[in-house]
Amino acid sequence: MATLFPIAKIPGLPEARINFDNQGLLPFPVLQTRNTTVHAFLCVNPPPDADEKFWDAVRDCLVAASAGAIVAGAMTGGLAALPTFMQVFGAKAAGKGLELVSNQLQLVTETTYDEWNA
């Protein structure tokens, strides 16, 4: 059974749109904005024979990758956090013998949107 580990909550790009207020004689343009947030999760699909050693390896990879992402994100304002996490996690996982190609580990992202405001 797959297990999701939240790894990041990154502010996304702001969005804007123009709506027309038709209350008066002429339509009046109204600028609306909202923010997005990208939530990143690590999805772990353990093999049937997963033991404590497997979970220790996943934990070690998570710790190292999170530390790298924090440093990269702090230096770039969050822009490089996710790519750095994936790079470091992949390198650590390969070194520990985790099989990335067999879908044991996957990055899952979900974007949430705030309400439009005027």
Protein backbone atom coordinates (compact mmCIF):
# COMPACT_ATOMS: atom_id res chain seq x y z
CA MET A 1 0.00 0.00 0.00
CA ALA A 2 1.34 3.42 -0.98
CA THR A 3 2.31 5.93 1.69
CA LEU A 4 2.35 9.71 1.07
CA PHE A 5 4.90 11.90 2.84
CA PRO A 6 4.39 15.68 2.55
CA ILE A 7 7.73 17.21 1.59
CA ALA A 8 7.05 20.79 0.52
CA LYS A 9 4.49 23.55 0.35
CA ILE A 10 5.74 26.04 -2.23
CA PRO A 11 4.05 29.34 -3.06
CA GLY A 12 3.16 29.28 -6.73
CA LEU A 13 2.75 32.07 -9.21
CA PRO A 14 0.04 34.64 -8.61
CA GLU A 15 -2.79 34.60 -11.13
CA ALA A 16 -4.78 37.54 -12.46
CA ARG A 17 -7.91 37.99 -14.52
CA ILE A 18 -10.15 40.83 -15.58
CA ASN A 19 -13.91 40.61 -15.10
CA PHE A 20 -16.33 43.21 -16.31
CA ASP A 21 -18.77 44.73 -13.84
CA ASN A 22 -21.97 45.41 -15.78
CA GLN A 23 -23.73 47.42 -13.06
CA GLY A 24 -23.60 50.73 -14.88
CA LEU A 25 -24.18 52.00 -18.39
CA LEU A 26 -20.74 50.84 -19.58
CA PRO A 27 -18.95 47.67 -18.50
CA PHE A 28 -16.25 48.48 -15.95
CA PRO A 29 -13.14 46.26 -15.90
CA VAL A 30 -12.23 44.83 -12.47
CA LEU A 31 -8.83 43.23 -11.85
CA GLN A 32 -8.95 40.11 -9.68
CA THR A 33 -5.98 38.19 -8.30
CA ARG A 34 -5.37 34.96 -6.44
CA ASN A 35 -2.41 32.94 -5.21
CA THR A 36 -1.58 29.32 -5.86
CA THR A 37 0.29 26.84 -3.70
CA VAL A 38 2.05 23.70 -4.91
CA HIS A 39 2.01 20.84 -2.41
CA ALA A 40 4.62 18.15 -3.07
CA PHE A 41 4.44 14.64 -1.66
CA LEU A 42 6.73 11.65 -1.86
CA CYS A 43 4.70 8.54 -2.66
CA VAL A 44 6.39 5.36 -1.43
CA ASN A 45 5.18 2.05 -2.84
CA PRO A 46 7.13 -0.44 -0.74
CA PRO A 47 7.91 -3.86 -2.14
CA PRO A 48 6.03 -6.76 -0.55
CA ASP A 49 9.12 -7.77 1.39
CA ALA A 50 9.86 -4.27 2.75
CA ASP A 51 11.57 -4.38 6.10
CA GLU A 52 13.02 -1.90 8.58
CA LYS A 53 16.09 -1.50 6.37
CA PHE A 54 13.95 -0.23 3.49
CA TRP A 55 12.21 2.37 5.67
CA ASP A 56 15.54 3.47 7.20
CA ALA A 57 16.88 4.04 3.67
CA VAL A 58 13.79 6.08 2.71
CA ARG A 59 14.12 8.15 5.90
CA ASP A 60 17.82 8.84 5.27
CA CYS A 61 17.05 9.92 1.70
CA LEU A 62 14.23 12.19 2.89
CA VAL A 63 16.42 13.89 5.48
CA ALA A 64 19.30 14.53 3.06
CA ALA A 65 17.03 15.70 0.24
CA SER A 66 15.02 17.96 2.54
CA ALA A 67 18.18 19.61 3.85
CA GLY A 68 19.38 20.26 0.30
CA ALA A 69 15.98 21.63 -0.72
CA ILE A 70 15.86 23.98 2.28
CA VAL A 71 19.25 25.46 1.41
CA ALA A 72 18.45 25.75 -2.31
CA GLY A 73 15.00 27.18 -1.60
CA ALA A 74 16.34 29.76 0.83
CA MET A 75 18.90 30.96 -1.70
CA THR A 76 16.48 31.18 -4.64
CA GLY A 77 13.23 32.10 -2.94
CA GLY A 78 11.80 28.60 -3.32
CA LEU A 79 12.39 28.28 -7.05
CA ALA A 80 15.03 25.55 -6.88
CA ALA A 81 13.70 23.65 -3.87
CA LEU A 82 11.76 20.94 -5.70
CA PRO A 83 14.35 20.17 -8.41
CA THR A 84 17.07 20.05 -5.75
CA PHE A 85 14.98 17.71 -3.61
CA MET A 86 14.48 15.32 -6.52
CA GLN A 87 18.15 15.41 -7.54
CA VAL A 88 19.48 14.75 -4.03
CA PHE A 89 16.81 12.17 -3.25
CA GLY A 90 17.50 10.30 -6.49
CA ALA A 91 21.24 10.24 -5.87
CA LYS A 92 20.85 9.05 -2.26
CA ALA A 93 18.23 6.45 -3.20
CA ALA A 94 20.40 5.03 -5.96
CA GLY A 95 23.30 4.82 -3.52
CA LYS A 96 21.13 2.91 -1.05
CA GLY A 97 19.80 0.47 -3.65
CA LEU A 98 16.21 1.72 -3.81
CA GLU A 99 14.62 0.96 -7.17
CA LEU A 100 13.40 4.27 -8.57
CA VAL A 101 12.56 2.78 -11.97
CA SER A 102 10.05 0.28 -10.62
CA ASN A 103 7.78 3.03 -9.21
CA GLN A 104 8.73 2.42 -5.59
CA LEU A 105 9.20 6.17 -5.18
CA GLN A 106 7.23 8.86 -6.97
CA LEU A 107 6.85 12.62 -6.67
CA VAL A 108 3.21 13.68 -6.48
CA THR A 109 2.21 17.34 -6.71
CA GLU A 110 -1.11 19.02 -6.08
CA THR A 111 -1.89 22.67 -6.74
CA THR A 112 -4.39 24.53 -4.59
CA TYR A 113 -5.93 27.86 -5.51
CA ASP A 114 -7.02 30.68 -3.21
CA GLU A 115 -10.28 32.51 -3.85
CA TRP A 116 -10.35 35.33 -6.39
CA ASN A 117 -10.22 38.75 -4.75
CA ALA A 118 -10.78 42.20 -6.18
